[in-house]
Amino acid sequence: MADTPTNKLFVGSISWNITWQELKEAFSEFGEVGFVKIVTDRETGRSKGFGFVEFETVEEATAAKEAMDGKDLDGRAINVDFAQEKPQD
């Protein structure tokens, strides 16, 4: 993903059982979570195993990234990195 700090985090390797509410709760100890999305398959509605968590500030996101990367969440070690905006063609 990206090395440039941003207030939006990419969270990978999340359990298919995790809800957006549970993801928000897991990250909320690091600051004000403004937005959470778990990406789902369009046809089945099943989680694709990754999502995004957006904080109010870059500092909160940085603290969450450093603390949560590699942590166990519902039996899986999650990957956390700064999200990267999709390039506009």
C-alpha atoms as a PDB file:
ATOM      1  CA  MET A   1       0.000   0.000   0.000  1.00  0.00           C
ATOM      2  CA  ALA A   2       1.301   3.459   0.844  1.00  0.00           C
ATOM      3  CA  ASP A   3       4.131   4.789   2.984  1.00  0.00           C
ATOM      4  CA  THR A   4       2.693   8.298   3.139  1.00  0.00           C
ATOM      5  CA  PRO A   5       0.736   8.809   6.358  1.00  0.00           C
ATOM      6  CA  THR A   6      -2.943   9.505   5.858  1.00  0.00           C
ATOM      7  CA  ASN A   7      -5.970   9.348   8.128  1.00  0.00           C
ATOM      8  CA  LYS A   8      -7.325   6.325   6.217  1.00  0.00           C
ATOM      9  CA  LEU A   9      -6.028   2.820   6.884  1.00  0.00           C
ATOM     10  CA  PHE A  10      -6.199  -0.334   4.793  1.00  0.00           C
ATOM     11  CA  VAL A  11      -6.885  -3.415   6.946  1.00  0.00           C
ATOM     12  CA  GLY A  12      -6.157  -6.764   5.326  1.00  0.00           C
ATOM     13  CA  SER A  13      -6.432 -10.427   6.306  1.00  0.00           C
ATOM     14  CA  ILE A  14      -9.542  -9.814   8.392  1.00  0.00           C
ATOM     15  CA  SER A  15     -11.780 -12.721   9.301  1.00  0.00           C
ATOM     16  CA  TRP A  16     -14.887 -13.147   7.175  1.00  0.00           C
ATOM     17  CA  ASN A  17     -16.852 -13.177  10.460  1.00  0.00           C
ATOM     18  CA  ILE A  18     -15.878  -9.623  11.467  1.00  0.00           C
ATOM     19  CA  THR A  19     -18.576  -6.967  11.096  1.00  0.00           C
ATOM     20  CA  TRP A  20     -17.872  -3.306  10.425  1.00  0.00           C
ATOM     21  CA  GLN A  21     -19.044  -2.559  13.976  1.00  0.00           C
ATOM     22  CA  GLU A  22     -16.480  -4.978  15.428  1.00  0.00           C
ATOM     23  CA  LEU A  23     -13.750  -3.500  13.241  1.00  0.00           C
ATOM     24  CA  LYS A  24     -14.687   0.006  14.387  1.00  0.00           C
ATOM     25  CA  GLU A  25     -14.638  -1.080  18.025  1.00  0.00           C
ATOM     26  CA  ALA A  26     -11.205  -2.689  17.635  1.00  0.00           C
ATOM     27  CA  PHE A  27      -9.740   0.546  16.243  1.00  0.00           C
ATOM     28  CA  SER A  28     -11.674   3.106  18.292  1.00  0.00           C
ATOM     29  CA  GLU A  29      -9.250   2.970  21.223  1.00  0.00           C
ATOM     30  CA  PHE A  30      -6.786   4.930  19.072  1.00  0.00           C
ATOM     31  CA  GLY A  31      -9.061   7.872  18.276  1.00  0.00           C
ATOM     32  CA  GLU A  32     -12.263   9.049  16.664  1.00  0.00           C
ATOM     33  CA  VAL A  33     -13.198   6.609  13.898  1.00  0.00           C
ATOM     34  CA  GLY A  34     -15.203   8.454  11.282  1.00  0.00           C
ATOM     35  CA  PHE A  35     -15.719   5.734   8.680  1.00  0.00           C
ATOM     36  CA  VAL A  36     -15.393   1.942   8.451  1.00  0.00           C
ATOM     37  CA  LYS A  37     -15.980  -0.246   5.409  1.00  0.00           C
ATOM     38  CA  ILE A  38     -15.504  -3.956   4.922  1.00  0.00           C
ATOM     39  CA  VAL A  39     -15.289  -4.700   1.208  1.00  0.00           C
ATOM     40  CA  THR A  40     -17.732  -7.386   0.091  1.00  0.00           C
ATOM     41  CA  ASP A  41     -18.239  -9.419  -3.047  1.00  0.00           C
ATOM     42  CA  ARG A  42     -20.892  -7.789  -5.221  1.00  0.00           C
ATOM     43  CA  GLU A  43     -22.609 -11.064  -6.080  1.00  0.00           C
ATOM     44  CA  THR A  44     -22.450 -13.026  -2.820  1.00  0.00           C
ATOM     45  CA  GLY A  45     -22.269 -10.201  -0.264  1.00  0.00           C
ATOM     46  CA  ARG A  46     -19.486 -12.109   1.490  1.00  0.00           C
ATOM     47  CA  SER A  47     -16.504 -10.242   2.921  1.00  0.00           C
ATOM     48  CA  LYS A  48     -13.421 -10.164   0.699  1.00  0.00           C
ATOM     49  CA  GLY A  49     -11.229 -10.152   3.824  1.00  0.00           C
ATOM     50  CA  PHE A  50     -10.171  -6.519   3.777  1.00  0.00           C
ATOM     51  CA  GLY A  51     -11.527  -3.106   4.554  1.00  0.00           C
ATOM     52  CA  PHE A  52     -10.809   0.486   5.492  1.00  0.00           C
ATOM     53  CA  VAL A  53     -10.852   2.476   8.718  1.00  0.00           C
ATOM     54  CA  GLU A  54     -10.758   6.268   8.591  1.00  0.00           C
ATOM     55  CA  PHE A  55      -9.771   8.428  11.567  1.00  0.00           C
ATOM     56  CA  GLU A  56     -10.278  12.121  12.242  1.00  0.00           C
ATOM     57  CA  THR A  57      -6.506  12.783  12.220  1.00  0.00           C
ATOM     58  CA  VAL A  58      -3.329  11.368  10.683  1.00  0.00           C
ATOM     59  CA  GLU A  59      -1.858  11.060  14.195  1.00  0.00           C
ATOM     60  CA  GLU A  60      -4.684   8.758  15.319  1.00  0.00           C
ATOM     61  CA  ALA A  61      -4.327   6.642  12.183  1.00  0.00           C
ATOM     62  CA  THR A  62      -0.562   6.403  12.683  1.00  0.00           C
ATOM     63  CA  ALA A  63      -0.994   5.236  16.286  1.00  0.00           C
ATOM     64  CA  ALA A  64      -3.573   2.637  15.204  1.00  0.00           C
ATOM     65  CA  LYS A  65      -1.374   1.374  12.350  1.00  0.00           C
ATOM     66  CA  GLU A  66       1.626   0.938  14.631  1.00  0.00           C
ATOM     67  CA  ALA A  67      -0.394  -0.813  17.341  1.00  0.00           C
ATOM     68  CA  MET A  68      -2.682  -3.000  15.212  1.00  0.00           C
ATOM     69  CA  ASP A  69      -0.444  -4.231  12.374  1.00  0.00           C
ATOM     70  CA  GLY A  70       0.096  -7.959  12.957  1.00  0.00           C
ATOM     71  CA  LYS A  71      -2.355  -8.136  15.878  1.00  0.00           C
ATOM     72  CA  ASP A  72      -4.805 -10.995  16.235  1.00  0.00           C
ATOM     73  CA  LEU A  73      -8.417 -10.124  15.458  1.00  0.00           C
ATOM     74  CA  ASP A  74     -10.907 -13.006  15.571  1.00  0.00           C
ATOM     75  CA  GLY A  75      -8.148 -15.583  15.159  1.00  0.00           C
ATOM     76  CA  ARG A  76      -6.305 -13.892  12.278  1.00  0.00           C
ATOM     77  CA  ALA A  77      -3.235 -11.669  12.245  1.00  0.00           C
ATOM     78  CA  ILE A  78      -4.358  -8.525  10.438  1.00  0.00           C
ATOM     79  CA  ASN A  79      -2.261  -6.351   8.123  1.00  0.00           C
ATOM     80  CA  VAL A  80      -2.629  -2.608   8.597  1.00  0.00           C
ATOM     81  CA  ASP A  81      -1.149   0.054   6.325  1.00  0.00           C
ATOM     82  CA  PHE A  82      -1.941   3.556   5.177  1.00  0.00           C
ATOM     83  CA  ALA A  83      -4.559   3.484   2.432  1.00  0.00           C
ATOM     84  CA  GLN A  84      -3.698   4.736  -0.998  1.00  0.00           C
ATOM     85  CA  GLU A  85      -6.166   6.658  -3.116  1.00  0.00           C
ATOM     86  CA  LYS A  86      -6.966   5.069  -6.458  1.00  0.00           C
ATOM     87  CA  PRO A  87      -5.323   7.005  -9.280  1.00  0.00           C
ATOM     88  CA  GLN A  88      -7.778   8.865 -11.467  1.00  0.00           C
ATOM     89  CA  ASP A  89      -7.426   7.943 -15.140  1.00  0.00           C
END
